[in-house]
Amino acid sequence: MKKSPAMNQQKKKSKVGNCETRLCTMCKVTKPISEYVRKRGSNPPSTCLQCRECRNGRWRQYYKNKFKGDSIYHRQRNLRVKYGITPISYDQLLEKQEGKCAICDTKDPKDRWNRFVIDHKHNTKNVRGLLCTKCNAGIGMFDEDTDKLESAIRYLKMQVRDLNELHERTEN
């Protein structure tokens, strides 16, 4: 009779006192089941064959190697897939904006890669321009809603006007 993978998995489990244990296939150490990641969607519920520490280490190494040394390729792919432009189009847009943010005119993008963020309409993916990180976050906080932005401008102007009136009263 041929043994199923589930039967093999059962053999690797053992009980020590009230705690069920399993042998990790990577570090070859027997550990309590609580130190293993539960598989999503498995019925009946089961755990991975590698302990949490080994599994996390494996994923850390995978992501470290995935983006290592090929950043130019990833940037080109990201520009093409997300925004439908090439690095040359990005450079042309930056040149058209004279190397500045389209809103605040700063030349410092305040980005970890020292690049301006591509601002685009989220429903159509059409590129509007290049922004510094702060301006892009500001627009995002207002959900790209011009009515909300105009309301915020009115609020700021009202606050300045009210403060000026208050200062005039206290001086007299």
Protein backbone atom coordinates (compact mmCIF):
# COMPACT_ATOMS: atom_id res chain seq x y z
CA MET A 1 0.00 0.00 0.00
CA LYS A 2 1.36 3.40 -1.05
CA LYS A 3 1.61 5.99 1.75
CA SER A 4 0.04 9.40 1.18
CA PRO A 5 1.92 12.65 2.01
CA ALA A 6 -0.52 13.19 4.89
CA MET A 7 0.54 9.86 6.43
CA ASN A 8 4.23 10.83 6.11
CA GLN A 9 3.47 14.16 7.78
CA GLN A 10 1.72 12.33 10.64
CA LYS A 11 4.85 10.22 11.23
CA LYS A 12 7.01 13.33 11.68
CA LYS A 13 4.72 14.66 14.42
CA SER A 14 5.23 13.49 17.96
CA LYS A 15 3.84 14.34 21.35
CA VAL A 16 5.94 15.45 24.29
CA GLY A 17 3.72 15.84 27.33
CA ASN A 18 0.69 17.90 26.26
CA CYS A 19 2.60 19.67 23.45
CA GLU A 20 2.62 18.39 19.88
CA THR A 21 5.99 18.76 18.11
CA ARG A 22 7.36 18.51 14.59
CA LEU A 23 10.79 18.17 12.98
CA CYS A 24 11.69 21.24 10.89
CA THR A 25 12.83 20.18 7.41
CA MET A 26 15.36 23.03 7.22
CA CYS A 27 17.10 23.26 10.60
CA LYS A 28 16.37 19.59 11.56
CA VAL A 29 15.31 20.60 15.09
CA THR A 30 12.17 19.25 16.75
CA LYS A 31 10.05 22.19 17.90
CA PRO A 32 6.54 22.67 19.31
CA ILE A 33 3.75 23.11 16.74
CA SER A 34 3.23 26.67 18.04
CA GLU A 35 6.56 27.61 16.36
CA TYR A 36 5.24 26.68 12.90
CA VAL A 37 3.15 28.83 10.55
CA ARG A 38 -0.37 27.57 9.85
CA LYS A 39 -1.12 26.97 6.18
CA ARG A 40 -3.87 29.23 4.88
CA GLY A 41 -6.98 27.54 3.59
CA SER A 42 -5.90 24.01 4.47
CA ASN A 43 -8.66 21.68 5.51
CA PRO A 44 -8.13 20.17 8.03
CA PRO A 45 -5.86 22.88 9.50
CA SER A 46 -2.17 22.02 9.16
CA THR A 47 1.18 23.74 9.53
CA CYS A 48 4.14 24.33 7.22
CA LEU A 49 7.06 21.89 7.23
CA GLN A 50 9.58 24.62 8.16
CA CYS A 51 9.52 26.37 11.53
CA ARG A 52 8.59 30.07 11.60
CA GLU A 53 12.22 31.17 12.04
CA CYS A 54 13.50 29.15 9.04
CA ARG A 55 10.52 30.13 6.86
CA ASN A 56 10.95 33.86 7.63
CA GLY A 57 14.68 33.60 6.95
CA ARG A 58 13.98 31.93 3.61
CA TRP A 59 11.55 34.72 2.58
CA ARG A 60 13.95 37.42 3.75
CA GLN A 61 16.68 35.92 1.57
CA TYR A 62 14.28 35.60 -1.38
CA TYR A 63 13.28 39.30 -1.27
CA LYS A 64 16.87 40.39 -0.72
CA ASN A 65 17.97 38.51 -3.85
CA LYS A 66 14.88 39.45 -5.89
CA PHE A 67 15.71 43.16 -5.98
CA LYS A 68 19.49 42.85 -5.82
CA GLY A 69 21.46 44.42 -8.65
CA ASP A 70 18.61 44.65 -11.12
CA SER A 71 17.14 47.96 -9.98
CA ILE A 72 17.27 49.50 -13.48
CA TYR A 73 15.14 46.69 -14.87
CA HIS A 74 12.66 46.97 -11.99
CA ARG A 75 12.38 50.75 -12.40
CA GLN A 76 11.75 50.45 -16.16
CA ARG A 77 9.18 47.74 -15.60
CA ASN A 78 7.47 49.73 -12.83
CA LEU A 79 7.21 52.85 -15.05
CA ARG A 80 5.83 50.81 -17.95
CA VAL A 81 3.37 48.67 -15.99
CA LYS A 82 2.06 51.25 -13.51
CA TYR A 83 2.08 54.41 -15.63
CA GLY A 84 2.60 53.35 -19.24
CA ILE A 85 5.73 55.51 -19.71
CA THR A 86 9.42 54.88 -20.30
CA PRO A 87 12.40 56.30 -18.38
CA ILE A 88 12.95 58.62 -21.37
CA SER A 89 9.37 59.94 -21.04
CA TYR A 90 9.99 60.50 -17.32
CA ASP A 91 13.16 62.47 -18.07
CA GLN A 92 11.36 64.54 -20.73
CA LEU A 93 8.57 65.37 -18.28
CA LEU A 94 11.13 66.36 -15.64
CA GLU A 95 12.90 68.58 -18.20
CA LYS A 96 9.56 70.17 -19.18
CA GLN A 97 8.98 70.97 -15.48
CA GLU A 98 12.53 72.41 -15.29
CA GLY A 99 13.54 69.79 -12.72
CA LYS A 100 10.97 71.05 -10.19
CA CYS A 101 7.84 69.82 -8.47
CA ALA A 102 4.75 70.77 -10.49
CA ILE A 103 3.08 72.27 -7.39
CA CYS A 104 5.64 73.80 -5.02
CA ASP A 105 8.59 74.35 -7.43
CA THR A 106 11.09 72.64 -5.15
CA LYS A 107 14.06 70.93 -6.77
CA ASP A 108 14.35 68.50 -3.84
CA PRO A 109 12.03 65.51 -4.38
CA LYS A 110 12.33 64.42 -0.70
CA ASP A 111 12.20 60.81 -1.88
CA ARG A 112 14.44 57.97 -0.73
CA TRP A 113 15.61 57.41 -4.33
CA ASN A 114 15.94 61.15 -4.94
CA ARG A 115 13.29 61.06 -7.68
CA PHE A 116 10.03 62.90 -8.11
CA VAL A 117 6.82 60.92 -7.73
CA ILE A 118 4.68 60.35 -10.81
CA ASP A 119 1.27 61.93 -10.19
CA HIS A 120 -1.54 60.26 -12.11
CA LYS A 121 -5.30 59.98 -12.16
CA HIS A 122 -6.07 56.77 -10.35
CA ASN A 123 -9.16 55.89 -12.37
CA THR A 124 -7.56 56.45 -15.82
CA LYS A 125 -3.82 56.07 -14.98
CA ASN A 126 -3.11 59.23 -17.05
CA VAL A 127 0.10 60.93 -15.90
CA ARG A 128 -0.44 64.55 -14.78
CA GLY A 129 3.09 65.48 -13.76
CA LEU A 130 5.93 64.94 -11.32
CA LEU A 131 5.58 65.95 -7.67
CA CYS A 132 7.74 65.96 -4.56
CA THR A 133 6.73 63.43 -1.93
CA LYS A 134 5.03 66.04 0.29
CA CYS A 135 2.82 67.45 -2.48
CA ASN A 136 1.89 63.96 -3.66
CA ALA A 137 0.93 62.94 -0.12
CA GLY A 138 -1.09 66.15 0.29
CA ILE A 139 -3.12 65.51 -2.83
CA GLY A 140 -3.64 61.91 -1.73
CA MET A 141 -4.88 63.00 1.69
CA PHE A 142 -7.59 65.06 -0.02
CA ASP A 143 -8.58 62.09 -2.22
CA GLU A 144 -7.69 64.15 -5.33
CA ASP A 145 -10.93 66.07 -4.74
CA THR A 146 -10.69 69.70 -5.93
CA ASP A 147 -13.69 70.72 -3.79
CA LYS A 148 -11.91 69.50 -0.65
CA LEU A 149 -8.72 71.32 -1.68
CA GLU A 150 -10.63 74.57 -2.33
CA SER A 151 -12.36 74.20 1.03
CA ALA A 152 -8.97 73.77 2.72
CA ILE A 153 -7.68 76.93 0.99
CA ARG A 154 -10.74 78.89 2.18
CA TYR A 155 -10.19 77.57 5.69
CA LEU A 156 -6.53 78.60 5.72
CA LYS A 157 -7.35 82.09 4.41
CA MET A 158 -10.15 82.46 6.96
CA GLN A 159 -7.79 81.54 9.78
CA VAL A 160 -5.26 84.18 8.66
CA ARG A 161 -7.97 86.85 8.35
CA ASP A 162 -9.43 86.01 11.78
CA LEU A 163 -5.99 86.05 13.41
CA ASN A 164 -5.19 89.45 11.84
CA GLU A 165 -8.46 90.87 13.20
CA LEU A 166 -7.67 89.46 16.64
CA HIS A 167 -4.19 91.05 16.62
CA GLU A 168 -5.66 94.40 15.58
CA ARG A 169 -8.15 94.31 18.48
CA THR A 170 -5.52 93.46 21.07
CA GLU A 171 -3.20 96.23 19.86
CA ASN A 172 -5.91 98.94 20.17
